[in-house]
Amino acid sequence: LSFYTFSLSAGQQLALMLRQNIRRTLHGLVPWLVDPDPMSEVSKGMRLSEAYHRMSKMGVIPRVRKMNDDIMRQHFEMETGMVRNDDAGIVKKICFYGLPVAAAAAIAGSFVLGGQGQ
């Protein structure tokens, strides 16, 4: 249960925590309108299966499962070499392709200009 209630994505985890705090606050103010947060109720005796069921109905479990599984799959694919990062950044392309060409042009230019000055 805990693996799919805590996201490996920092942004998603922050959003989950904010929603939990909002739900707790609203439940404290208007308990007849807002159900308590399932994770808070586990510490009060709610069965884990019931908390899982409620969080699934709220959409928490499916969203976190998708994010965590995607992150773990991408990491595995990159680490094992199954997928390469062919979309290198523009800076890397400039350094890899542009600098040698610019250096060769500068060297060639110095020979041409050096020969004209004499």
N, C-alpha and C. Protein backbone atom coordinates (compact mmCIF):
# COMPACT_ATOMS: atom_id res chain seq x y z
N LEU A 1 0.83 -1.20 0.00
CA LEU A 1 0.00 0.00 0.00
C LEU A 1 0.87 1.25 0.00
N SER A 2 1.89 1.29 0.83
CA SER A 2 2.64 2.53 0.95
C SER A 2 3.40 2.88 -0.32
N PHE A 3 3.78 1.88 -1.13
CA PHE A 3 4.52 2.19 -2.35
C PHE A 3 3.67 2.99 -3.32
N TYR A 4 2.40 2.72 -3.38
CA TYR A 4 1.54 3.44 -4.32
C TYR A 4 0.79 4.60 -3.68
N THR A 5 1.12 4.93 -2.45
CA THR A 5 0.55 6.14 -1.85
C THR A 5 1.61 7.23 -1.74
N PHE A 6 2.87 6.90 -2.04
CA PHE A 6 3.95 7.88 -2.03
C PHE A 6 4.61 7.86 -3.39
N SER A 7 4.63 9.00 -4.05
CA SER A 7 5.13 9.10 -5.41
C SER A 7 6.64 9.31 -5.45
N LEU A 8 7.28 8.75 -6.47
CA LEU A 8 8.69 8.98 -6.71
C LEU A 8 8.93 10.33 -7.39
N SER A 9 7.87 10.95 -7.86
CA SER A 9 7.94 12.27 -8.47
C SER A 9 7.73 13.32 -7.39
N ALA A 10 8.69 14.21 -7.25
CA ALA A 10 8.60 15.24 -6.21
C ALA A 10 7.37 16.13 -6.40
N GLY A 11 7.09 16.50 -7.63
CA GLY A 11 5.93 17.35 -7.90
C GLY A 11 4.62 16.68 -7.57
N GLN A 12 4.50 15.41 -7.96
CA GLN A 12 3.28 14.68 -7.67
C GLN A 12 3.13 14.45 -6.17
N GLN A 13 4.23 14.16 -5.48
CA GLN A 13 4.17 13.93 -4.04
C GLN A 13 3.74 15.21 -3.31
N LEU A 14 4.26 16.34 -3.76
CA LEU A 14 3.86 17.62 -3.16
C LEU A 14 2.37 17.86 -3.35
N ALA A 15 1.87 17.59 -4.55
CA ALA A 15 0.44 17.76 -4.82
C ALA A 15 -0.40 16.82 -3.95
N LEU A 16 0.07 15.58 -3.77
CA LEU A 16 -0.66 14.63 -2.91
C LEU A 16 -0.72 15.14 -1.47
N MET A 17 0.41 15.63 -0.98
CA MET A 17 0.45 16.12 0.40
C MET A 17 -0.47 17.34 0.58
N LEU A 18 -0.47 18.22 -0.40
CA LEU A 18 -1.36 19.39 -0.31
C LEU A 18 -2.83 18.96 -0.29
N ARG A 19 -3.18 18.01 -1.17
CA ARG A 19 -4.57 17.51 -1.19
C ARG A 19 -4.94 16.84 0.13
N GLN A 20 -4.00 16.06 0.70
CA GLN A 20 -4.28 15.41 1.98
C GLN A 20 -4.53 16.45 3.07
N ASN A 21 -3.71 17.49 3.11
CA ASN A 21 -3.88 18.53 4.12
C ASN A 21 -5.18 19.30 3.92
N ILE A 22 -5.53 19.58 2.68
CA ILE A 22 -6.79 20.26 2.41
C ILE A 22 -7.96 19.38 2.83
N ARG A 23 -7.89 18.09 2.51
CA ARG A 23 -8.96 17.15 2.88
C ARG A 23 -9.10 17.08 4.41
N ARG A 24 -7.97 17.00 5.11
CA ARG A 24 -8.01 16.95 6.59
C ARG A 24 -8.65 18.21 7.16
N THR A 25 -8.26 19.36 6.61
CA THR A 25 -8.80 20.63 7.10
C THR A 25 -10.29 20.72 6.82
N LEU A 26 -10.69 20.39 5.59
CA LEU A 26 -12.11 20.46 5.26
C LEU A 26 -12.93 19.46 6.07
N HIS A 27 -12.38 18.26 6.31
CA HIS A 27 -13.09 17.28 7.12
C HIS A 27 -13.26 17.79 8.55
N GLY A 28 -12.25 18.50 9.05
CA GLY A 28 -12.36 19.09 10.39
C GLY A 28 -13.42 20.18 10.47
N LEU A 29 -13.59 20.93 9.38
CA LEU A 29 -14.56 22.02 9.37
C LEU A 29 -15.97 21.55 9.04
N VAL A 30 -16.10 20.69 8.04
CA VAL A 30 -17.41 20.21 7.60
C VAL A 30 -17.38 18.69 7.41
N PRO A 31 -17.34 17.94 8.50
CA PRO A 31 -17.20 16.48 8.39
C PRO A 31 -18.37 15.79 7.69
N TRP A 32 -19.52 16.44 7.64
CA TRP A 32 -20.66 15.82 6.98
C TRP A 32 -20.56 15.94 5.44
N LEU A 33 -19.66 16.81 4.95
CA LEU A 33 -19.49 16.99 3.50
C LEU A 33 -18.23 16.31 2.94
N VAL A 34 -17.17 16.25 3.75
CA VAL A 34 -15.89 15.75 3.27
C VAL A 34 -15.46 14.55 4.11
N ASP A 35 -15.20 13.43 3.41
CA ASP A 35 -14.71 12.24 4.10
C ASP A 35 -13.29 12.47 4.59
N PRO A 36 -12.91 11.77 5.65
CA PRO A 36 -11.53 11.93 6.14
C PRO A 36 -10.53 11.34 5.15
N ASP A 37 -9.29 11.79 5.27
CA ASP A 37 -8.22 11.24 4.43
C ASP A 37 -7.96 9.79 4.86
N PRO A 38 -7.98 8.86 3.92
CA PRO A 38 -7.80 7.44 4.27
C PRO A 38 -6.49 7.15 5.00
N MET A 39 -5.42 7.81 4.65
CA MET A 39 -4.13 7.55 5.32
C MET A 39 -4.18 7.99 6.78
N SER A 40 -4.95 9.04 7.08
CA SER A 40 -5.10 9.47 8.47
C SER A 40 -5.92 8.46 9.26
N GLU A 41 -6.85 7.82 8.60
CA GLU A 41 -7.74 6.88 9.27
C GLU A 41 -7.06 5.54 9.56
N VAL A 42 -6.02 5.21 8.83
CA VAL A 42 -5.30 3.95 9.08
C VAL A 42 -4.73 3.95 10.49
N SER A 43 -4.18 5.08 10.91
CA SER A 43 -3.61 5.16 12.25
C SER A 43 -4.68 5.11 13.34
N LYS A 44 -5.94 5.31 12.95
CA LYS A 44 -7.05 5.25 13.90
C LYS A 44 -7.74 3.90 13.88
N GLY A 45 -7.20 2.95 13.08
CA GLY A 45 -7.76 1.61 13.08
C GLY A 45 -8.40 1.15 11.79
N MET A 46 -8.44 2.00 10.77
CA MET A 46 -9.01 1.57 9.49
C MET A 46 -8.14 0.47 8.89
N ARG A 47 -8.78 -0.55 8.31
CA ARG A 47 -8.04 -1.63 7.66
C ARG A 47 -7.32 -1.09 6.43
N LEU A 48 -6.15 -1.63 6.14
CA LEU A 48 -5.39 -1.20 4.98
C LEU A 48 -6.16 -1.44 3.69
N SER A 49 -6.90 -2.54 3.64
CA SER A 49 -7.66 -2.83 2.43
C SER A 49 -8.74 -1.77 2.20
N GLU A 50 -9.34 -1.27 3.27
CA GLU A 50 -10.34 -0.21 3.14
C GLU A 50 -9.70 1.10 2.69
N ALA A 51 -8.54 1.42 3.24
CA ALA A 51 -7.83 2.64 2.84
C ALA A 51 -7.44 2.54 1.36
N TYR A 52 -6.97 1.37 0.94
CA TYR A 52 -6.59 1.16 -0.46
C TYR A 52 -7.81 1.36 -1.37
N HIS A 53 -8.94 0.78 -0.96
CA HIS A 53 -10.17 0.91 -1.73
C HIS A 53 -10.57 2.37 -1.87
N ARG A 54 -10.56 3.11 -0.78
CA ARG A 54 -10.96 4.52 -0.82
C ARG A 54 -10.00 5.36 -1.66
N MET A 55 -8.70 5.08 -1.53
CA MET A 55 -7.72 5.84 -2.29
C MET A 55 -7.80 5.50 -3.78
N SER A 56 -8.18 4.28 -4.09
CA SER A 56 -8.40 3.90 -5.49
C SER A 56 -9.59 4.66 -6.06
N LYS A 57 -10.67 4.75 -5.28
CA LYS A 57 -11.86 5.48 -5.72
C LYS A 57 -11.55 6.97 -5.91
N MET A 58 -10.65 7.50 -5.09
CA MET A 58 -10.27 8.91 -5.19
C MET A 58 -9.31 9.16 -6.35
N GLY A 59 -8.77 8.10 -6.92
CA GLY A 59 -7.84 8.23 -8.05
C GLY A 59 -6.39 8.36 -7.66
N VAL A 60 -6.09 8.27 -6.38
CA VAL A 60 -4.70 8.42 -5.92
C VAL A 60 -3.85 7.24 -6.36
N ILE A 61 -4.29 6.05 -6.08
CA ILE A 61 -3.51 4.84 -6.38
C ILE A 61 -3.20 4.73 -7.88
N PRO A 62 -4.19 4.86 -8.78
CA PRO A 62 -3.86 4.74 -10.21
C PRO A 62 -2.86 5.79 -10.71
N ARG A 63 -3.01 7.03 -10.26
CA ARG A 63 -2.09 8.09 -10.71
C ARG A 63 -0.67 7.84 -10.22
N VAL A 64 -0.53 7.50 -8.95
CA VAL A 64 0.80 7.26 -8.39
C VAL A 64 1.41 6.00 -8.98
N ARG A 65 0.61 4.97 -9.17
CA ARG A 65 1.12 3.73 -9.77
C ARG A 65 1.69 4.01 -11.16
N LYS A 66 0.96 4.76 -11.95
CA LYS A 66 1.43 5.08 -13.31
C LYS A 66 2.74 5.86 -13.26
N MET A 67 2.81 6.87 -12.42
CA MET A 67 4.02 7.69 -12.33
C MET A 67 5.21 6.86 -11.84
N ASN A 68 5.03 6.12 -10.76
CA ASN A 68 6.13 5.31 -10.22
C ASN A 68 6.60 4.26 -11.21
N ASP A 69 5.66 3.58 -11.85
CA ASP A 69 6.03 2.55 -12.82
C ASP A 69 6.76 3.16 -14.01
N ASP A 70 6.32 4.33 -14.48
CA ASP A 70 7.00 5.00 -15.59
C ASP A 70 8.43 5.40 -15.21
N ILE A 71 8.59 5.95 -14.01
CA ILE A 71 9.92 6.37 -13.56
C ILE A 71 10.85 5.17 -13.45
N MET A 72 10.36 4.09 -12.84
CA MET A 72 11.20 2.91 -12.66
C MET A 72 11.53 2.26 -14.01
N ARG A 73 10.57 2.21 -14.93
CA ARG A 73 10.82 1.62 -16.24
C ARG A 73 11.83 2.45 -17.01
N GLN A 74 11.70 3.75 -17.01
CA GLN A 74 12.64 4.61 -17.72
C GLN A 74 14.05 4.47 -17.15
N HIS A 75 14.16 4.41 -15.84
CA HIS A 75 15.46 4.24 -15.21
C HIS A 75 16.08 2.91 -15.61
N PHE A 76 15.31 1.84 -15.55
CA PHE A 76 15.80 0.51 -15.93
C PHE A 76 16.25 0.49 -17.38
N GLU A 77 15.44 1.06 -18.27
CA GLU A 77 15.78 1.06 -19.69
C GLU A 77 17.05 1.84 -19.98
N MET A 78 17.24 2.96 -19.31
CA MET A 78 18.45 3.76 -19.52
C MET A 78 19.68 3.07 -18.92
N GLU A 79 19.54 2.50 -17.73
CA GLU A 79 20.67 1.86 -17.06
C GLU A 79 21.14 0.60 -17.77
N THR A 80 20.24 -0.15 -18.36
CA THR A 80 20.62 -1.39 -19.04
C THR A 80 20.99 -1.15 -20.49
N GLY A 81 20.84 0.06 -20.98
CA GLY A 81 21.19 0.38 -22.35
C GLY A 81 20.12 0.00 -23.36
N MET A 82 18.94 -0.36 -22.89
CA MET A 82 17.87 -0.72 -23.81
C MET A 82 17.39 0.50 -24.58
N VAL A 83 17.49 1.66 -23.96
CA VAL A 83 17.08 2.93 -24.58
C VAL A 83 18.23 3.90 -24.39
N ARG A 84 18.59 4.60 -25.46
CA ARG A 84 19.65 5.60 -25.39
C ARG A 84 19.01 6.98 -25.43
N ASN A 85 19.72 7.93 -24.92
CA ASN A 85 19.26 9.31 -24.98
C ASN A 85 19.85 9.95 -26.23
N ASP A 86 19.21 9.72 -27.37
CA ASP A 86 19.68 10.27 -28.64
C ASP A 86 19.31 11.74 -28.78
N ASP A 87 18.46 12.22 -27.93
CA ASP A 87 18.05 13.63 -27.97
C ASP A 87 18.97 14.45 -27.09
N ALA A 88 20.26 14.47 -27.46
CA ALA A 88 21.24 15.23 -26.69
C ALA A 88 20.90 16.71 -26.79
N GLY A 89 21.23 17.43 -25.76
CA GLY A 89 20.92 18.85 -25.72
C GLY A 89 21.70 19.62 -26.78
N ILE A 90 21.22 20.82 -27.07
CA ILE A 90 21.83 21.67 -28.09
C ILE A 90 23.27 22.02 -27.72
N VAL A 91 23.55 22.22 -26.44
CA VAL A 91 24.90 22.56 -26.00
C VAL A 91 25.86 21.41 -26.33
N LYS A 92 25.43 20.19 -26.07
CA LYS A 92 26.26 19.03 -26.35
C LYS A 92 26.52 18.90 -27.85
N LYS A 93 25.50 19.15 -28.67
CA LYS A 93 25.67 19.08 -30.12
C LYS A 93 26.63 20.16 -30.61
N ILE A 94 26.51 21.36 -30.06
CA ILE A 94 27.40 22.45 -30.46
C ILE A 94 28.84 22.10 -30.10
N CYS A 95 29.03 21.60 -28.89
CA CYS A 95 30.39 21.25 -28.45
C CYS A 95 30.95 20.11 -29.28
N PHE A 96 30.14 19.12 -29.58
CA PHE A 96 30.62 17.92 -30.27
C PHE A 96 30.86 18.17 -31.76
N TYR A 97 29.96 18.93 -32.40
CA TYR A 97 30.06 19.14 -33.84
C TYR A 97 30.57 20.54 -34.20
N GLY A 98 30.11 21.54 -33.50
CA GLY A 98 30.42 22.91 -33.86
C GLY A 98 31.83 23.35 -33.54
N LEU A 99 32.34 23.00 -32.37
CA LEU A 99 33.67 23.45 -31.97
C LEU A 99 34.77 22.91 -32.88
N PRO A 100 34.76 21.62 -33.24
CA PRO A 100 35.81 21.15 -34.16
C PRO A 100 35.77 21.87 -35.52
N VAL A 101 34.57 22.11 -36.02
CA VAL A 101 34.44 22.83 -37.30
C VAL A 101 34.96 24.25 -37.15
N ALA A 102 34.60 24.92 -36.06
CA ALA A 102 35.05 26.29 -35.83
C ALA A 102 36.57 26.33 -35.65
N ALA A 103 37.13 25.34 -34.97
CA ALA A 103 38.58 25.29 -34.78
C ALA A 103 39.29 25.08 -36.12
N ALA A 104 38.74 24.16 -36.92
CA ALA A 104 39.35 23.91 -38.24
C ALA A 104 39.28 25.15 -39.11
N ALA A 105 38.15 25.85 -39.06
CA ALA A 105 37.99 27.08 -39.85
C ALA A 105 38.96 28.16 -39.36
N ALA A 106 39.16 28.25 -38.07
CA ALA A 106 40.08 29.24 -37.51
C ALA A 106 41.52 28.93 -37.93
N ILE A 107 41.88 27.66 -37.88
CA ILE A 107 43.24 27.27 -38.28
C ILE A 107 43.44 27.54 -39.77
N ALA A 108 42.46 27.15 -40.58
CA ALA A 108 42.56 27.39 -42.01
C ALA A 108 42.61 28.88 -42.31
N GLY A 109 41.81 29.65 -41.60
CA GLY A 109 41.80 31.11 -41.79
C GLY A 109 43.12 31.74 -41.42
N SER A 110 43.74 31.23 -40.37
CA SER A 110 45.03 31.81 -39.97
C SER A 110 46.10 31.53 -41.02
N PHE A 111 46.04 30.36 -41.69
CA PHE A 111 46.99 30.07 -42.74
C PHE A 111 46.75 30.97 -43.95
N VAL A 112 45.48 31.15 -44.29
CA VAL A 112 45.15 31.98 -45.45
C VAL A 112 45.53 33.43 -45.17
N LEU A 113 45.11 33.95 -44.04
CA LEU A 113 45.42 35.35 -43.72
C LEU A 113 46.90 35.53 -43.44
N GLY A 114 47.52 34.53 -42.85
CA GLY A 114 48.96 34.61 -42.56
C GLY A 114 49.77 34.66 -43.85
N GLY A 115 49.32 33.95 -44.87
CA GLY A 115 50.02 33.93 -46.16
C GLY A 115 49.82 35.21 -46.94
N GLN A 116 48.68 35.92 -46.76
CA GLN A 116 48.39 37.16 -47.51
C GLN A 116 49.17 38.33 -46.95
N GLY A 117 49.42 38.30 -45.69
CA GLY A 117 50.10 39.43 -45.06
C GLY A 117 51.56 39.52 -45.45
N GLN A 118 52.16 38.54 -46.07
CA GLN A 118 53.59 38.57 -46.40
C GLN A 118 53.85 39.00 -47.78
